[in-house]
């Protein structure tokens, strides 16, 4: 069982949503590079269906743009996506706070 891998797999959609909201939009190849920079190994066959699921859920919207003669599909967060990202940040902050607090009080059973 690889818990780190499982955790990373679970936060990939959150990471995608974060960049789609904060960076004014992302495209697949850039997102794959960004995820690889953080240690996520994700294939296009996994990433593009994820982007489509986030769009189908109303969290992302996409449009084609021509950049340097190439057509790219740019994904941006919707209002619902930004709201959901806020919810996710609160949950992650609560969990990480509890986990990090646990390291400070290691050895103290509850």
Protein backbone atom coordinates (compact mmCIF):
# COMPACT_ATOMS: atom_id res chain seq x y z
CA UNK A 1 0.00 0.00 0.00
CA UNK A 2 1.47 3.36 -1.05
CA UNK A 3 -0.33 6.02 0.98
CA UNK A 4 1.74 8.89 -0.42
CA UNK A 5 0.78 7.90 -3.95
CA UNK A 6 -2.86 7.57 -2.94
CA UNK A 7 -2.78 11.02 -1.33
CA UNK A 8 -1.17 12.62 -4.36
CA UNK A 9 -3.69 10.98 -6.66
CA UNK A 10 -6.50 12.41 -4.56
CA UNK A 11 -5.20 15.98 -4.59
CA UNK A 12 -4.52 16.21 -8.34
CA UNK A 13 -8.03 17.58 -9.05
CA UNK A 14 -7.55 20.15 -6.27
CA UNK A 15 -4.19 21.17 -7.73
CA UNK A 16 -5.72 21.51 -11.20
CA UNK A 17 -8.61 23.58 -9.85
CA UNK A 18 -6.18 25.79 -7.92
CA UNK A 19 -4.18 26.68 -11.03
CA UNK A 20 -7.27 27.09 -13.19
CA UNK A 21 -8.54 29.62 -10.64
CA UNK A 22 -5.32 31.38 -9.67
CA UNK A 23 -3.44 31.48 -12.97
CA UNK A 24 -6.29 32.68 -15.16
CA UNK A 25 -6.49 29.39 -17.00
CA UNK A 26 -4.38 26.37 -17.84
CA UNK A 27 -3.91 24.02 -20.76
CA UNK A 28 -3.22 20.31 -20.60
CA UNK A 29 0.49 20.20 -21.45
CA UNK A 30 1.31 23.03 -19.02
CA UNK A 31 -0.73 21.37 -16.30
CA UNK A 32 1.04 18.04 -16.87
CA UNK A 33 4.41 19.81 -16.51
CA UNK A 34 3.26 21.61 -13.37
CA UNK A 35 2.05 18.37 -11.81
CA UNK A 36 5.32 16.62 -12.74
CA UNK A 37 7.21 19.45 -11.03
CA UNK A 38 5.42 18.44 -7.81
CA UNK A 39 6.05 14.73 -8.27
CA UNK A 40 2.74 13.71 -9.82
CA UNK A 41 3.20 11.25 -12.66
CA UNK A 42 0.09 11.70 -14.79
CA UNK A 43 -0.41 10.64 -18.38
CA UNK A 44 -2.44 12.60 -20.93
CA UNK A 45 -4.89 9.68 -20.87
CA UNK A 46 -5.55 10.46 -17.22
CA UNK A 47 -5.24 14.26 -17.24
CA UNK A 48 -7.56 15.10 -20.13
CA UNK A 49 -10.47 12.98 -18.84
CA UNK A 50 -9.97 14.63 -15.43
CA UNK A 51 -10.21 18.07 -17.03
CA UNK A 52 -13.37 16.94 -18.83
CA UNK A 53 -14.91 15.60 -15.58
CA UNK A 54 -14.19 18.90 -13.83
CA UNK A 55 -15.79 20.73 -16.74
CA UNK A 56 -18.80 18.38 -16.76
CA UNK A 57 -19.20 19.04 -13.03
CA UNK A 58 -19.38 22.77 -13.73
CA UNK A 59 -16.11 23.54 -11.93
CA UNK A 60 -14.16 24.43 -15.08
CA UNK A 61 -15.03 25.94 -18.40
CA UNK A 62 -12.91 25.73 -21.53
CA UNK A 63 -12.36 27.55 -24.78
CA UNK A 64 -9.99 27.10 -27.67
CA UNK A 65 -7.30 29.74 -28.10
CA UNK A 66 -4.61 30.02 -30.74
CA UNK A 67 -1.22 30.60 -29.14
CA UNK A 68 1.85 30.92 -31.37
CA UNK A 69 -0.04 29.26 -34.21
CA UNK A 70 -1.20 26.33 -32.07
CA UNK A 71 -4.75 25.75 -30.92
CA UNK A 72 -4.96 25.03 -27.21
CA UNK A 73 -7.95 24.34 -25.02
CA UNK A 74 -7.68 26.69 -22.04
CA UNK A 75 -9.47 25.66 -18.85
CA UNK A 76 -10.56 28.27 -16.32
CA UNK A 77 -12.37 27.91 -13.03
CA UNK A 78 -16.04 28.84 -12.92
CA UNK A 79 -17.68 30.65 -10.01
CA UNK A 80 -18.74 27.21 -8.74
CA UNK A 81 -15.15 26.00 -9.14
CA UNK A 82 -13.80 28.94 -7.15
CA UNK A 83 -16.39 28.31 -4.42
CA UNK A 84 -15.48 24.62 -4.31
CA UNK A 85 -11.79 25.51 -4.15
CA UNK A 86 -12.54 27.65 -1.10
CA UNK A 87 -14.31 24.70 0.54
CA UNK A 88 -11.40 22.41 -0.30
CA UNK A 89 -8.89 24.87 1.14
CA UNK A 90 -10.80 24.98 4.43
CA UNK A 91 -10.90 21.18 4.65
CA UNK A 92 -7.20 20.88 3.77
CA UNK A 93 -6.24 23.59 6.28
CA UNK A 94 -8.19 21.85 9.04
CA UNK A 95 -6.69 18.46 8.25
CA UNK A 96 -3.14 19.74 7.85
CA UNK A 97 -3.45 21.72 11.07
CA UNK A 98 -4.51 18.60 12.93
CA UNK A 99 -1.78 16.49 11.36
CA UNK A 100 0.93 19.05 12.05
CA UNK A 101 -0.31 19.54 15.59
CA UNK A 102 0.08 15.79 16.01
CA UNK A 103 3.81 16.04 15.25
CA UNK A 104 4.27 18.63 18.00
CA UNK A 105 2.58 16.42 20.58
CA UNK A 106 3.95 13.06 19.42
CA UNK A 107 3.90 10.53 22.19
CA UNK A 108 0.93 12.11 23.95
CA UNK A 109 -1.96 9.66 23.59
CA UNK A 110 -5.44 11.13 23.51
